[in-house]
C-alpha atoms as a PDB file:
ATOM      1  CA  MET A   1      -9.321  -6.823   9.049  1.00  0.00           C
ATOM      2  CA  VAL A   2     -12.712  -6.730   6.630  1.00  0.00           C
ATOM      3  CA  ARG A   3     -13.769  -3.333   5.260  1.00  0.00           C
ATOM      4  CA  THR A   4     -16.715  -2.674   3.082  1.00  0.00           C
ATOM      5  CA  GLY A   5     -16.112  -1.019  -0.247  1.00  0.00           C
ATOM      6  CA  ARG A   6     -18.105   0.045  -3.384  1.00  0.00           C
ATOM      7  CA  VAL A   7     -17.024  -1.244  -6.734  1.00  0.00           C
ATOM      8  CA  LEU A   8     -15.876   1.971  -8.677  1.00  0.00           C
ATOM      9  CA  SER A   9     -15.023   0.343 -11.902  1.00  0.00           C
ATOM     10  CA  SER A  10     -14.549  -3.344 -13.413  1.00  0.00           C
ATOM     11  CA  GLN A  11     -12.268  -4.512 -16.215  1.00  0.00           C
ATOM     12  CA  ASN A  12     -10.619  -7.486 -17.029  1.00  0.00           C
ATOM     13  CA  GLY A  13     -10.859  -9.114 -13.386  1.00  0.00           C
ATOM     14  CA  MET A  14      -9.347  -5.993 -11.874  1.00  0.00           C
ATOM     15  CA  LEU A  15     -11.584  -3.989  -9.477  1.00  0.00           C
ATOM     16  CA  ARG A  16     -11.142  -0.721  -8.174  1.00  0.00           C
ATOM     17  CA  ILE A  17     -12.786  -0.017  -4.830  1.00  0.00           C
ATOM     18  CA  CYS A  18     -13.283   2.961  -3.209  1.00  0.00           C
ATOM     19  CA  PHE A  19     -13.428   2.649   0.919  1.00  0.00           C
ATOM     20  CA  GLN A  20     -15.018   5.118   2.953  1.00  0.00           C
ATOM     21  CA  LYS A  21     -12.752   6.460   6.118  1.00  0.00           C
ATOM     22  CA  PRO A  22     -13.769   4.635   9.088  1.00  0.00           C
ATOM     23  CA  ALA A  23     -14.681   6.786  12.357  1.00  0.00           C
ATOM     24  CA  SER A  24     -11.615   5.236  14.434  1.00  0.00           C
ATOM     25  CA  CYS A  25      -9.385   7.689  11.726  1.00  0.00           C
ATOM     26  CA  ASP A  26     -11.149  11.029  12.215  1.00  0.00           C
ATOM     27  CA  GLY A  27      -8.632  12.050  15.378  1.00  0.00           C
ATOM     28  CA  CYS A  28      -5.643  10.512  13.181  1.00  0.00           C
ATOM     29  CA  LYS A  29      -5.676  12.806  10.264  1.00  0.00           C
ATOM     30  CA  GLY A  30      -2.954  11.048   8.675  1.00  0.00           C
ATOM     31  CA  CYS A  31      -4.080  10.821   5.773  1.00  0.00           C
ATOM     32  CA  GLY A  32      -4.625  14.213   5.356  1.00  0.00           C
ATOM     33  CA  ASN A  33      -8.252  15.609   4.581  1.00  0.00           C
ATOM     34  CA  HIS A  34      -9.203  12.347   2.393  1.00  0.00           C
ATOM     35  CA  THR A  35     -12.578  10.982   3.120  1.00  0.00           C
ATOM     36  CA  GLU A  36     -11.947   7.836   0.704  1.00  0.00           C
ATOM     37  CA  ALA A  37      -9.190   5.641  -0.178  1.00  0.00           C
ATOM     38  CA  GLN A  38      -9.069   3.271  -3.518  1.00  0.00           C
ATOM     39  CA  ILE A  39      -7.551   0.315  -4.263  1.00  0.00           C
ATOM     40  CA  THR A  40      -7.030  -2.009  -7.325  1.00  0.00           C
ATOM     41  CA  LEU A  41      -7.138  -5.288  -6.850  1.00  0.00           C
ATOM     42  CA  MET A  42      -7.574  -8.606  -8.966  1.00  0.00           C
ATOM     43  CA  SER A  43     -10.954 -10.545  -8.131  1.00  0.00           C
ATOM     44  CA  PRO A  44     -12.147 -13.365  -9.570  1.00  0.00           C
ATOM     45  CA  SER A  45     -15.531 -12.707  -8.655  1.00  0.00           C
ATOM     46  CA  ALA A  46     -18.189 -11.235 -11.033  1.00  0.00           C
ATOM     47  CA  ALA A  47     -18.632  -7.726  -9.356  1.00  0.00           C
ATOM     48  CA  SER A  48     -19.609  -4.639 -11.355  1.00  0.00           C
ATOM     49  CA  GLU A  49     -19.441  -1.278 -10.919  1.00  0.00           C
ATOM     50  CA  GLY A  50     -21.638   0.192  -8.024  1.00  0.00           C
ATOM     51  CA  ASP A  51     -21.508  -3.018  -6.435  1.00  0.00           C
ATOM     52  CA  THR A  52     -20.491  -3.529  -2.543  1.00  0.00           C
ATOM     53  CA  VAL A  53     -17.768  -5.407  -1.617  1.00  0.00           C
ATOM     54  CA  LEU A  54     -16.567  -6.884   1.433  1.00  0.00           C
ATOM     55  CA  VAL A  55     -12.584  -7.217   1.132  1.00  0.00           C
ATOM     56  CA  ARG A  56     -10.368  -8.968   3.807  1.00  0.00           C
ATOM     57  CA  PHE A  57      -7.030  -7.120   4.326  1.00  0.00           C
ATOM     58  CA  PRO A  58      -4.699  -9.518   6.498  1.00  0.00           C
ATOM     59  CA  ASP A  59      -3.668  -7.972   9.847  1.00  0.00           C
ATOM     60  CA  LYS A  60      -0.128  -9.131   9.509  1.00  0.00           C
ATOM     61  CA  SER A  61       0.284  -7.744   6.250  1.00  0.00           C
ATOM     62  CA  LEU A  62      -0.717  -4.054   7.497  1.00  0.00           C
ATOM     63  CA  VAL A  63       2.088  -3.834  10.092  1.00  0.00           C
ATOM     64  CA  LEU A  64       4.710  -6.000   8.146  1.00  0.00           C
ATOM     65  CA  SER A  65       3.500  -3.188   5.144  1.00  0.00           C
ATOM     66  CA  ALA A  66       4.057  -0.333   7.459  1.00  0.00           C
ATOM     67  CA  ILE A  67       7.049  -1.585   8.738  1.00  0.00           C
ATOM     68  CA  ILE A  68       8.896  -2.073   5.291  1.00  0.00           C
ATOM     69  CA  VAL A  69       7.783   0.770   3.758  1.00  0.00           C
ATOM     70  CA  TYR A  70       9.068   3.073   6.524  1.00  0.00           C
ATOM     71  CA  ILE A  71      12.012   1.295   8.339  1.00  0.00           C
ATOM     72  CA  LEU A  72      13.412  -0.246   4.733  1.00  0.00           C
ATOM     73  CA  PRO A  73      14.322   2.800   3.034  1.00  0.00           C
ATOM     74  CA  LEU A  74      15.393   4.637   6.231  1.00  0.00           C
ATOM     75  CA  CYS A  75      18.065   1.841   6.900  1.00  0.00           C
ATOM     76  CA  VAL A  76      19.202   1.693   3.419  1.00  0.00           C
ATOM     77  CA  PHE A  77      19.629   5.771   3.001  1.00  0.00           C
ATOM     78  CA  LEU A  78      21.993   5.104   6.711  1.00  0.00           C
ATOM     79  CA  ALA A  79      23.901   2.630   5.304  1.00  0.00           C
ATOM     80  CA  GLY A  80      24.589   4.419   2.362  1.00  0.00           C
ATOM     81  CA  LEU A  81      25.643   7.230   4.227  1.00  0.00           C
ATOM     82  CA  ILE A  82      28.060   5.234   6.865  1.00  0.00           C
ATOM     83  CA  VAL A  83      29.549   3.200   4.069  1.00  0.00           C
ATOM     84  CA  GLY A  84      30.114   6.114   1.914  1.00  0.00           C
ATOM     85  CA  LYS A  85      31.800   8.216   4.768  1.00  0.00           C
ATOM     86  CA  LEU A  86      33.837   5.264   6.089  1.00  0.00           C
ATOM     87  CA  ALA A  87      34.801   4.338   2.610  1.00  0.00           C
ATOM     88  CA  PHE A  88      35.618   7.400   1.046  1.00  0.00           C
ATOM     89  CA  GLY A  89      36.088   9.891   4.231  1.00  0.00           C
ATOM     90  CA  SER A  90      33.810  12.517   1.671  1.00  0.00           C
ATOM     91  CA  ASP A  91      30.603  14.150   2.524  1.00  0.00           C
ATOM     92  CA  THR A  92      29.898  14.815  -0.732  1.00  0.00           C
ATOM     93  CA  VAL A  93      30.051  10.866  -1.394  1.00  0.00           C
ATOM     94  CA  SER A  94      28.275  10.105   1.473  1.00  0.00           C
ATOM     95  CA  VAL A  95      25.271  12.156   0.568  1.00  0.00           C
ATOM     96  CA  ILE A  96      25.358  10.617  -3.105  1.00  0.00           C
ATOM     97  CA  SER A  97      26.030   7.064  -1.817  1.00  0.00           C
ATOM     98  CA  ALA A  98      23.031   7.615   0.480  1.00  0.00           C
ATOM     99  CA  LEU A  99      20.622   8.909  -2.352  1.00  0.00           C
ATOM    100  CA  LEU A 100      21.600   5.744  -4.394  1.00  0.00           C
ATOM    101  CA  GLY A 101      20.789   3.673  -1.297  1.00  0.00           C
ATOM    102  CA  LEU A 102      17.618   5.337  -1.235  1.00  0.00           C
ATOM    103  CA  LEU A 103      16.956   4.715  -4.895  1.00  0.00           C
ATOM    104  CA  ILE A 104      17.930   1.197  -4.206  1.00  0.00           C
ATOM    105  CA  SER A 105      15.198   0.653  -1.452  1.00  0.00           C
ATOM    106  CA  PHE A 106      12.503   2.222  -4.010  1.00  0.00           C
ATOM    107  CA  PHE A 107      13.634  -0.583  -6.193  1.00  0.00           C
ATOM    108  CA  MET A 108      13.432  -3.233  -3.453  1.00  0.00           C
ATOM    109  CA  LEU A 109       9.976  -1.916  -2.169  1.00  0.00           C
ATOM    110  CA  ARG A 110       8.625  -2.515  -5.981  1.00  0.00           C
ATOM    111  CA  LYS A 111       9.970  -5.786  -5.941  1.00  0.00           C
ATOM    112  CA  ILE A 112       8.450  -6.670  -2.841  1.00  0.00           C
ATOM    113  CA  ASP A 113       5.145  -5.576  -3.741  1.00  0.00           C
ATOM    114  CA  ARG A 114       4.942  -7.182  -6.700  1.00  0.00           C
ATOM    115  CA  ARG A 115       5.104 -10.766  -5.145  1.00  0.00           C
ATOM    116  CA  LYS A 116       1.860  -9.618  -3.620  1.00  0.00           C
ATOM    117  CA  LYS A 117       1.261 -12.496  -0.972  1.00  0.00           C
ATOM    118  CA  CYS A 118      -0.244 -10.098   1.230  1.00  0.00           C
ATOM    119  CA  MET A 119      -2.699  -8.685  -1.028  1.00  0.00           C
ATOM    120  CA  PRO A 120      -6.178  -8.061   0.312  1.00  0.00           C
ATOM    121  CA  SER A 121      -9.091 -10.253  -1.423  1.00  0.00           C
ATOM    122  CA  VAL A 122     -12.623  -9.984  -2.047  1.00  0.00           C
ATOM    123  CA  ILE A 123     -14.809 -12.017   0.236  1.00  0.00           C
ATOM    124  CA  SER A 124     -18.200 -11.109  -0.557  1.00  0.00           C
ATOM    125  CA  VAL A 125     -20.312  -9.335  -3.277  1.00  0.00           C
ATOM    126  CA  ILE A 126     -23.282  -7.257  -2.692  1.00  0.00           C
ATOM    127  CA  PRO A 127     -25.239  -6.521  -5.935  1.00  0.00           C
ATOM    128  CA  ALA A 128     -25.956  -3.158  -6.260  1.00  0.00           C
ATOM    129  CA  GLU A 129     -29.870  -3.499  -6.970  1.00  0.00           C
ATOM    130  CA  THR A 130     -30.262  -5.430  -3.562  1.00  0.00           C
ATOM    131  CA  HIS A 131     -28.702  -2.478  -1.268  1.00  0.00           C
ATOM    132  CA  ASP A 132     -30.235   0.604  -3.100  1.00  0.00           C
END
């Protein structure tokens, strides 16, 4: 998927890019009432504030990321709940182990996020003065 965004800031090779919500999202309301989204990504291109950029989001990574972000914490939570109940037979211990599982899943997600194999990339820069 390729999206068009506007560069809000450019600093040390990092771009903060703002995307307008596509019309296809109007009926969903999954993001609440937000009309735009912002991301920060590394870019070797020489984009500056106000430029328009085309950003490629790998299609596979979007689906895989959604699955990992929603399913992994749920599975680790349930596993902690079951292991706590079976190992100790106490509801209190099972709840504590489930919450510990959520904490572990948070660190797992951070480690996965740092691999950055599925990061979006800037494929084109349109300088601000050519599209005003």
